[in-house]
Amino acid sequence: MGHVSRSTVTVCWILVIVVLLMSSCNGARSMQPFKGKPLKQSSGYFFGFLPRAMPIPPSGPSRQHNSIGFDQSHN
């Protein structure tokens, strides 16, 4: 086998260390994303965990809010 450069050996060691640390890391993904199991009666919830999205009304001013200027211009 030929001469292997020092940088190649260093990169290989770093790769081995990263692979070993990834498996013991708490941030590694597991097969089950949620720790608890969803309840059967919670059908109104997304995957049994999160509430379903509710439509949000537009945030513009209402007619009652603008009635002061509107009433004065038509009198």
PDB file of N, CA and C in Angstrom:
ATOM      1  N   MET A   1       0.848  -1.162   0.000  1.00  0.00           N
ATOM      2  CA  MET A   1       0.000   0.000   0.000  1.00  0.00           C
ATOM      3  C   MET A   1       0.896   1.227   0.000  1.00  0.00           C
ATOM      4  N   GLY A   2       0.478   2.260  -0.714  1.00  0.00           N
ATOM      5  CA  GLY A   2       1.298   3.450  -0.862  1.00  0.00           C
ATOM      6  C   GLY A   2       1.226   4.358   0.345  1.00  0.00           C
ATOM      7  N   HIS A   3       1.950   5.435   0.247  1.00  0.00           N
ATOM      8  CA  HIS A   3       2.013   6.427   1.315  1.00  0.00           C
ATOM      9  C   HIS A   3       0.709   7.235   1.351  1.00  0.00           C
ATOM     10  N   VAL A   4       0.091   7.305   2.525  1.00  0.00           N
ATOM     11  CA  VAL A   4      -1.156   8.053   2.703  1.00  0.00           C
ATOM     12  C   VAL A   4      -0.814   9.382   3.355  1.00  0.00           C
ATOM     13  N   SER A   5      -1.357  10.453   2.811  1.00  0.00           N
ATOM     14  CA  SER A   5      -1.026  11.774   3.344  1.00  0.00           C
ATOM     15  C   SER A   5      -1.651  11.977   4.722  1.00  0.00           C
ATOM     16  N   ARG A   6      -1.057  12.885   5.464  1.00  0.00           N
ATOM     17  CA  ARG A   6      -1.514  13.170   6.825  1.00  0.00           C
ATOM     18  C   ARG A   6      -2.923  13.761   6.811  1.00  0.00           C
ATOM     19  N   SER A   7      -3.256  14.583   5.815  1.00  0.00           N
ATOM     20  CA  SER A   7      -4.591  15.190   5.757  1.00  0.00           C
ATOM     21  C   SER A   7      -5.668  14.140   5.494  1.00  0.00           C
ATOM     22  N   THR A   8      -5.365  13.118   4.712  1.00  0.00           N
ATOM     23  CA  THR A   8      -6.328  12.047   4.463  1.00  0.00           C
ATOM     24  C   THR A   8      -6.615  11.267   5.737  1.00  0.00           C
ATOM     25  N   VAL A   9      -5.590  10.982   6.500  1.00  0.00           N
ATOM     26  CA  VAL A   9      -5.767  10.268   7.766  1.00  0.00           C
ATOM     27  C   VAL A   9      -6.572  11.121   8.743  1.00  0.00           C
ATOM     28  N   THR A  10      -6.282  12.416   8.788  1.00  0.00           N
ATOM     29  CA  THR A  10      -7.010  13.319   9.688  1.00  0.00           C
ATOM     30  C   THR A  10      -8.484  13.381   9.317  1.00  0.00           C
ATOM     31  N   VAL A  11      -8.780  13.481   8.041  1.00  0.00           N
ATOM     32  CA  VAL A  11     -10.175  13.524   7.590  1.00  0.00           C
ATOM     33  C   VAL A  11     -10.888  12.222   7.925  1.00  0.00           C
ATOM     34  N   CYS A  12     -10.219  11.100   7.770  1.00  0.00           N
ATOM     35  CA  CYS A  12     -10.825   9.808   8.108  1.00  0.00           C
ATOM     36  C   CYS A  12     -11.133   9.705   9.598  1.00  0.00           C
ATOM     37  N   TRP A  13     -10.213  10.150  10.444  1.00  0.00           N
ATOM     38  CA  TRP A  13     -10.450  10.117  11.889  1.00  0.00           C
ATOM     39  C   TRP A  13     -11.608  11.038  12.278  1.00  0.00           C
ATOM     40  N   ILE A  14     -11.662  12.205  11.690  1.00  0.00           N
ATOM     41  CA  ILE A  14     -12.772  13.129  11.991  1.00  0.00           C
ATOM     42  C   ILE A  14     -14.097  12.513  11.561  1.00  0.00           C
ATOM     43  N   LEU A  15     -14.122  11.863  10.410  1.00  0.00           N
ATOM     44  CA  LEU A  15     -15.335  11.206   9.935  1.00  0.00           C
ATOM     45  C   LEU A  15     -15.775  10.093  10.884  1.00  0.00           C
ATOM     46  N   VAL A  16     -14.833   9.290  11.366  1.00  0.00           N
ATOM     47  CA  VAL A  16     -15.155   8.213  12.312  1.00  0.00           C
ATOM     48  C   VAL A  16     -15.707   8.792  13.611  1.00  0.00           C
ATOM     49  N   ILE A  17     -15.089   9.845  14.111  1.00  0.00           N
ATOM     50  CA  ILE A  17     -15.550  10.468  15.362  1.00  0.00           C
ATOM     51  C   ILE A  17     -16.950  11.043  15.196  1.00  0.00           C
ATOM     52  N   VAL A  18     -17.208  11.703  14.078  1.00  0.00           N
ATOM     53  CA  VAL A  18     -18.536  12.284  13.840  1.00  0.00           C
ATOM     54  C   VAL A  18     -19.596  11.193  13.763  1.00  0.00           C
ATOM     55  N   VAL A  19     -19.303  10.105  13.085  1.00  0.00           N
ATOM     56  CA  VAL A  19     -20.267   9.008  12.976  1.00  0.00           C
ATOM     57  C   VAL A  19     -20.550   8.399  14.345  1.00  0.00           C
ATOM     58  N   LEU A  20     -19.531   8.228  15.162  1.00  0.00           N
ATOM     59  CA  LEU A  20     -19.736   7.664  16.498  1.00  0.00           C
ATOM     60  C   LEU A  20     -20.514   8.609  17.400  1.00  0.00           C
ATOM     61  N   LEU A  21     -20.262   9.901  17.296  1.00  0.00           N
ATOM     62  CA  LEU A  21     -20.970  10.865  18.135  1.00  0.00           C
ATOM     63  C   LEU A  21     -22.416  11.065  17.698  1.00  0.00           C
ATOM     64  N   MET A  22     -22.704  10.920  16.426  1.00  0.00           N
ATOM     65  CA  MET A  22     -24.073  11.111  15.948  1.00  0.00           C
ATOM     66  C   MET A  22     -25.021  10.070  16.517  1.00  0.00           C
ATOM     67  N   SER A  23     -24.573   8.860  16.681  1.00  0.00           N
ATOM     68  CA  SER A  23     -25.453   7.810  17.189  1.00  0.00           C
ATOM     69  C   SER A  23     -25.752   7.986  18.672  1.00  0.00           C
ATOM     70  N   SER A  24     -24.870   8.642  19.418  1.00  0.00           N
ATOM     71  CA  SER A  24     -25.109   8.827  20.844  1.00  0.00           C
ATOM     72  C   SER A  24     -25.682  10.199  21.164  1.00  0.00           C
ATOM     73  N   CYS A  25     -25.949  10.991  20.156  1.00  0.00           N
ATOM     74  CA  CYS A  25     -26.448  12.353  20.349  1.00  0.00           C
ATOM     75  C   CYS A  25     -27.942  12.327  20.663  1.00  0.00           C
ATOM     76  N   ASN A  26     -28.393  13.190  21.587  1.00  0.00           N
ATOM     77  CA  ASN A  26     -29.813  13.287  21.906  1.00  0.00           C
ATOM     78  C   ASN A  26     -30.599  13.928  20.778  1.00  0.00           C
ATOM     79  N   GLY A  27     -29.946  14.665  19.917  1.00  0.00           N
ATOM     80  CA  GLY A  27     -30.629  15.323  18.815  1.00  0.00           C
ATOM     81  C   GLY A  27     -30.851  14.422  17.615  1.00  0.00           C
ATOM     82  N   ALA A  28     -30.369  13.197  17.677  1.00  0.00           N
ATOM     83  CA  ALA A  28     -30.573  12.278  16.563  1.00  0.00           C
ATOM     84  C   ALA A  28     -32.044  11.900  16.482  1.00  0.00           C
ATOM     85  N   ARG A  29     -32.533  11.765  15.278  1.00  0.00           N
ATOM     86  CA  ARG A  29     -33.944  11.436  15.087  1.00  0.00           C
ATOM     87  C   ARG A  29     -34.208   9.987  15.469  1.00  0.00           C
ATOM     88  N   SER A  30     -35.362   9.791  16.050  1.00  0.00           N
ATOM     89  CA  SER A  30     -35.793   8.428  16.350  1.00  0.00           C
ATOM     90  C   SER A  30     -36.951   8.085  15.420  1.00  0.00           C
ATOM     91  N   MET A  31     -37.406   6.883  15.484  1.00  0.00           N
ATOM     92  CA  MET A  31     -38.489   6.459  14.600  1.00  0.00           C
ATOM     93  C   MET A  31     -39.829   7.028  15.038  1.00  0.00           C
ATOM     94  N   GLN A  32     -40.007   7.360  16.311  1.00  0.00           N
ATOM     95  CA  GLN A  32     -41.269   7.897  16.799  1.00  0.00           C
ATOM     96  C   GLN A  32     -41.080   9.379  17.108  1.00  0.00           C
ATOM     97  N   PRO A  33     -41.715  10.282  16.327  1.00  0.00           N
ATOM     98  CA  PRO A  33     -41.481  11.711  16.524  1.00  0.00           C
ATOM     99  C   PRO A  33     -42.093  12.264  17.807  1.00  0.00           C
ATOM    100  N   PHE A  34     -43.203  11.693  18.286  1.00  0.00           N
ATOM    101  CA  PHE A  34     -43.854  12.165  19.501  1.00  0.00           C
ATOM    102  C   PHE A  34     -43.706  11.110  20.585  1.00  0.00           C
ATOM    103  N   LYS A  35     -43.501  11.546  21.826  1.00  0.00           N
ATOM    104  CA  LYS A  35     -43.291  10.574  22.908  1.00  0.00           C
ATOM    105  C   LYS A  35     -44.592   9.922  23.344  1.00  0.00           C
ATOM    106  N   GLY A  36     -45.681  10.690  23.353  1.00  0.00           N
ATOM    107  CA  GLY A  36     -46.963  10.148  23.774  1.00  0.00           C
ATOM    108  C   GLY A  36     -47.728   9.554  22.615  1.00  0.00           C
ATOM    109  N   LYS A  37     -48.791   8.826  22.936  1.00  0.00           N
ATOM    110  CA  LYS A  37     -49.649   8.271  21.900  1.00  0.00           C
ATOM    111  C   LYS A  37     -50.906   9.136  21.812  1.00  0.00           C
ATOM    112  N   PRO A  38     -51.408   9.396  20.608  1.00  0.00           N
ATOM    113  CA  PRO A  38     -52.601  10.227  20.475  1.00  0.00           C
ATOM    114  C   PRO A  38     -53.832   9.520  21.032  1.00  0.00           C
ATOM    115  N   LEU A  39     -54.755  10.310  21.542  1.00  0.00           N
ATOM    116  CA  LEU A  39     -55.995   9.768  22.069  1.00  0.00           C
ATOM    117  C   LEU A  39     -56.957   9.479  20.923  1.00  0.00           C
ATOM    118  N   LYS A  40     -57.750   8.426  21.055  1.00  0.00           N
ATOM    119  CA  LYS A  40     -58.697   8.059  20.005  1.00  0.00           C
ATOM    120  C   LYS A  40     -59.817   9.091  19.887  1.00  0.00           C
ATOM    121  N   GLN A  41     -60.268   9.669  21.002  1.00  0.00           N
ATOM    122  CA  GLN A  41     -61.390  10.593  20.969  1.00  0.00           C
ATOM    123  C   GLN A  41     -61.003  11.988  20.495  1.00  0.00           C
ATOM    124  N   SER A  42     -59.754  12.244  20.241  1.00  0.00           N
ATOM    125  CA  SER A  42     -59.323  13.573  19.804  1.00  0.00           C
ATOM    126  C   SER A  42     -59.274  13.640  18.280  1.00  0.00           C
ATOM    127  N   SER A  43     -60.429  13.391  17.634  1.00  0.00           N
ATOM    128  CA  SER A  43     -60.459  13.384  16.175  1.00  0.00           C
ATOM    129  C   SER A  43     -60.373  14.789  15.603  1.00  0.00           C
ATOM    130  N   GLY A  44     -60.672  15.820  16.383  1.00  0.00           N
ATOM    131  CA  GLY A  44     -60.591  17.190  15.902  1.00  0.00           C
ATOM    132  C   GLY A  44     -59.187  17.739  15.933  1.00  0.00           C
ATOM    133  N   TYR A  45     -58.232  16.908  16.189  1.00  0.00           N
ATOM    134  CA  TYR A  45     -56.857  17.359  16.316  1.00  0.00           C
ATOM    135  C   TYR A  45     -56.000  16.761  15.210  1.00  0.00           C
ATOM    136  N   PHE A  46     -54.987  17.491  14.817  1.00  0.00           N
ATOM    137  CA  PHE A  46     -54.060  17.064  13.779  1.00  0.00           C
ATOM    138  C   PHE A  46     -53.158  15.977  14.345  1.00  0.00           C
ATOM    139  N   PHE A  47     -53.237  14.780  13.798  1.00  0.00           N
ATOM    140  CA  PHE A  47     -52.495  13.601  14.279  1.00  0.00           C
ATOM    141  C   PHE A  47     -52.788  13.300  15.748  1.00  0.00           C
ATOM    142  N   GLY A  48     -53.873  13.832  16.299  1.00  0.00           N
ATOM    143  CA  GLY A  48     -54.218  13.584  17.682  1.00  0.00           C
ATOM    144  C   GLY A  48     -53.437  14.415  18.674  1.00  0.00           C
ATOM    145  N   PHE A  49     -52.568  15.310  18.216  1.00  0.00           N
ATOM    146  CA  PHE A  49     -51.738  16.093  19.118  1.00  0.00           C
ATOM    147  C   PHE A  49     -52.051  17.585  19.056  1.00  0.00           C
ATOM    148  N   LEU A  50     -52.098  18.144  17.865  1.00  0.00           N
ATOM    149  CA  LEU A  50     -52.237  19.585  17.707  1.00  0.00           C
ATOM    150  C   LEU A  50     -53.641  19.928  17.223  1.00  0.00           C
ATOM    151  N   PRO A  51     -54.211  21.048  17.685  1.00  0.00           N
ATOM    152  CA  PRO A  51     -55.540  21.423  17.197  1.00  0.00           C
ATOM    153  C   PRO A  51     -55.483  21.790  15.719  1.00  0.00           C
ATOM    154  N   ARG A  52     -56.599  21.554  15.030  1.00  0.00           N
ATOM    155  CA  ARG A  52     -56.659  21.892  13.615  1.00  0.00           C
ATOM    156  C   ARG A  52     -56.635  23.401  13.440  1.00  0.00           C
ATOM    157  N   ALA A  53     -56.184  23.811  12.291  1.00  0.00           N
ATOM    158  CA  ALA A  53     -56.073  25.242  12.017  1.00  0.00           C
ATOM    159  C   ALA A  53     -57.454  25.868  11.894  1.00  0.00           C
ATOM    160  N   MET A  54     -57.603  27.064  12.449  1.00  0.00           N
ATOM    161  CA  MET A  54     -58.845  27.821  12.342  1.00  0.00           C
ATOM    162  C   MET A  54     -58.609  28.975  11.383  1.00  0.00           C
ATOM    163  N   PRO A  55     -59.600  29.296  10.544  1.00  0.00           N
ATOM    164  CA  PRO A  55     -59.408  30.428   9.640  1.00  0.00           C
ATOM    165  C   PRO A  55     -59.312  31.731  10.427  1.00  0.00           C
ATOM    166  N   ILE A  56     -58.377  32.559  10.032  1.00  0.00           N
ATOM    167  CA  ILE A  56     -58.163  33.833  10.709  1.00  0.00           C
ATOM    168  C   ILE A  56     -58.801  34.925   9.867  1.00  0.00           C
ATOM    169  N   PRO A  57     -59.682  35.741  10.455  1.00  0.00           N
ATOM    170  CA  PRO A  57     -60.329  36.799   9.677  1.00  0.00           C
ATOM    171  C   PRO A  57     -59.316  37.858   9.262  1.00  0.00           C
ATOM    172  N   PRO A  58     -59.617  38.606   8.199  1.00  0.00           N
ATOM    173  CA  PRO A  58     -58.695  39.664   7.789  1.00  0.00           C
ATOM    174  C   PRO A  58     -58.547  40.705   8.887  1.00  0.00           C
ATOM    175  N   SER A  59     -57.384  41.326   8.939  1.00  0.00           N
ATOM    176  CA  SER A  59     -57.106  42.231  10.051  1.00  0.00           C
ATOM    177  C   SER A  59     -57.388  43.690   9.712  1.00  0.00           C
ATOM    178  N   GLY A  60     -58.165  43.951   8.681  1.00  0.00           N
ATOM    179  CA  GLY A  60     -58.498  45.332   8.327  1.00  0.00           C
ATOM    180  C   GLY A  60     -59.496  45.920   9.309  1.00  0.00           C
ATOM    181  N   PRO A  61     -59.661  47.239   9.305  1.00  0.00           N
ATOM    182  CA  PRO A  61     -60.618  47.874  10.220  1.00  0.00           C
ATOM    183  C   PRO A  61     -62.055  47.521   9.843  1.00  0.00           C
ATOM    184  N   SER A  62     -62.909  47.422  10.837  1.00  0.00           N
ATOM    185  CA  SER A  62     -64.303  47.069  10.603  1.00  0.00           C
ATOM    186  C   SER A  62     -65.107  48.309  10.217  1.00  0.00           C
ATOM    187  N   ARG A  63     -66.351  48.095   9.766  1.00  0.00           N
ATOM    188  CA  ARG A  63     -67.220  49.226   9.407  1.00  0.00           C
ATOM    189  C   ARG A  63     -67.580  50.040  10.649  1.00  0.00           C
ATOM    190  N   GLN A  64     -67.760  49.376  11.775  1.00  0.00           N
ATOM    191  CA  GLN A  64     -68.089  50.102  13.006  1.00  0.00           C
ATOM    192  C   GLN A  64     -66.937  51.009  13.407  1.00  0.00           C
ATOM    193  N   HIS A  65     -65.740  50.559  13.189  1.00  0.00           N
ATOM    194  CA  HIS A  65     -64.581  51.367  13.543  1.00  0.00           C
ATOM    195  C   HIS A  65     -64.481  52.593  12.639  1.00  0.00           C
ATOM    196  N   ASN A  66     -64.833  52.430  11.361  1.00  0.00           N
ATOM    197  CA  ASN A  66     -64.747  53.529  10.407  1.00  0.00           C
ATOM    198  C   ASN A  66     -66.020  54.360  10.349  1.00  0.00           C
ATOM    199  N   SER A  67     -67.029  54.053  11.172  1.00  0.00           N
ATOM    200  CA  SER A  67     -68.319  54.728  11.060  1.00  0.00           C
ATOM    201  C   SER A  67     -68.241  56.207  11.419  1.00  0.00           C
ATOM    202  N   ILE A  68     -67.266  56.627  12.188  1.00  0.00           N
ATOM    203  CA  ILE A  68     -67.170  58.040  12.576  1.00  0.00           C
ATOM    204  C   ILE A  68     -66.923  58.891  11.338  1.00  0.00           C
ATOM    205  N   GLY A  69     -65.941  58.559  10.562  1.00  0.00           N
ATOM    206  CA  GLY A  69     -65.642  59.319   9.357  1.00  0.00           C
ATOM    207  C   GLY A  69     -66.672  59.093   8.268  1.00  0.00           C
ATOM    208  N   PHE A  70     -67.242  57.900   8.174  1.00  0.00           N
ATOM    209  CA  PHE A  70     -68.204  57.556   7.139  1.00  0.00           C
ATOM    210  C   PHE A  70     -69.517  58.301   7.353  1.00  0.00           C
ATOM    211  N   ASP A  71     -70.023  58.362   8.608  1.00  0.00           N
ATOM    212  CA  ASP A  71     -71.288  59.036   8.901  1.00  0.00           C
ATOM    213  C   ASP A  71     -71.179  60.537   8.685  1.00  0.00           C
ATOM    214  N   GLN A  72     -70.070  61.122   9.022  1.00  0.00           N
ATOM    215  CA  GLN A  72     -69.923  62.569   8.897  1.00  0.00           C
ATOM    216  C   GLN A  72     -69.887  62.996   7.436  1.00  0.00           C
ATOM    217  N   SER A  73     -69.374  62.189   6.561  1.00  0.00           N
ATOM    218  CA  SER A  73     -69.267  62.583   5.158  1.00  0.00           C
ATOM    219  C   SER A  73     -70.596  62.470   4.419  1.00  0.00           C
ATOM    220  N   HIS A  74     -71.545  61.640   4.899  1.00  0.00           N
ATOM    221  CA  HIS A  74     -72.829  61.460   4.220  1.00  0.00           C
ATOM    222  C   HIS A  74     -73.944  62.284   4.844  1.00  0.00           C
ATOM    223  N   ASN A  75     -73.760  63.041   5.893  1.00  0.00           N
ATOM    224  CA  ASN A  75     -74.828  63.831   6.535  1.00  0.00           C
ATOM    225  C   ASN A  75     -74.995  65.151   5.916  1.00  0.00           C
TER     226      ASN A  75
END
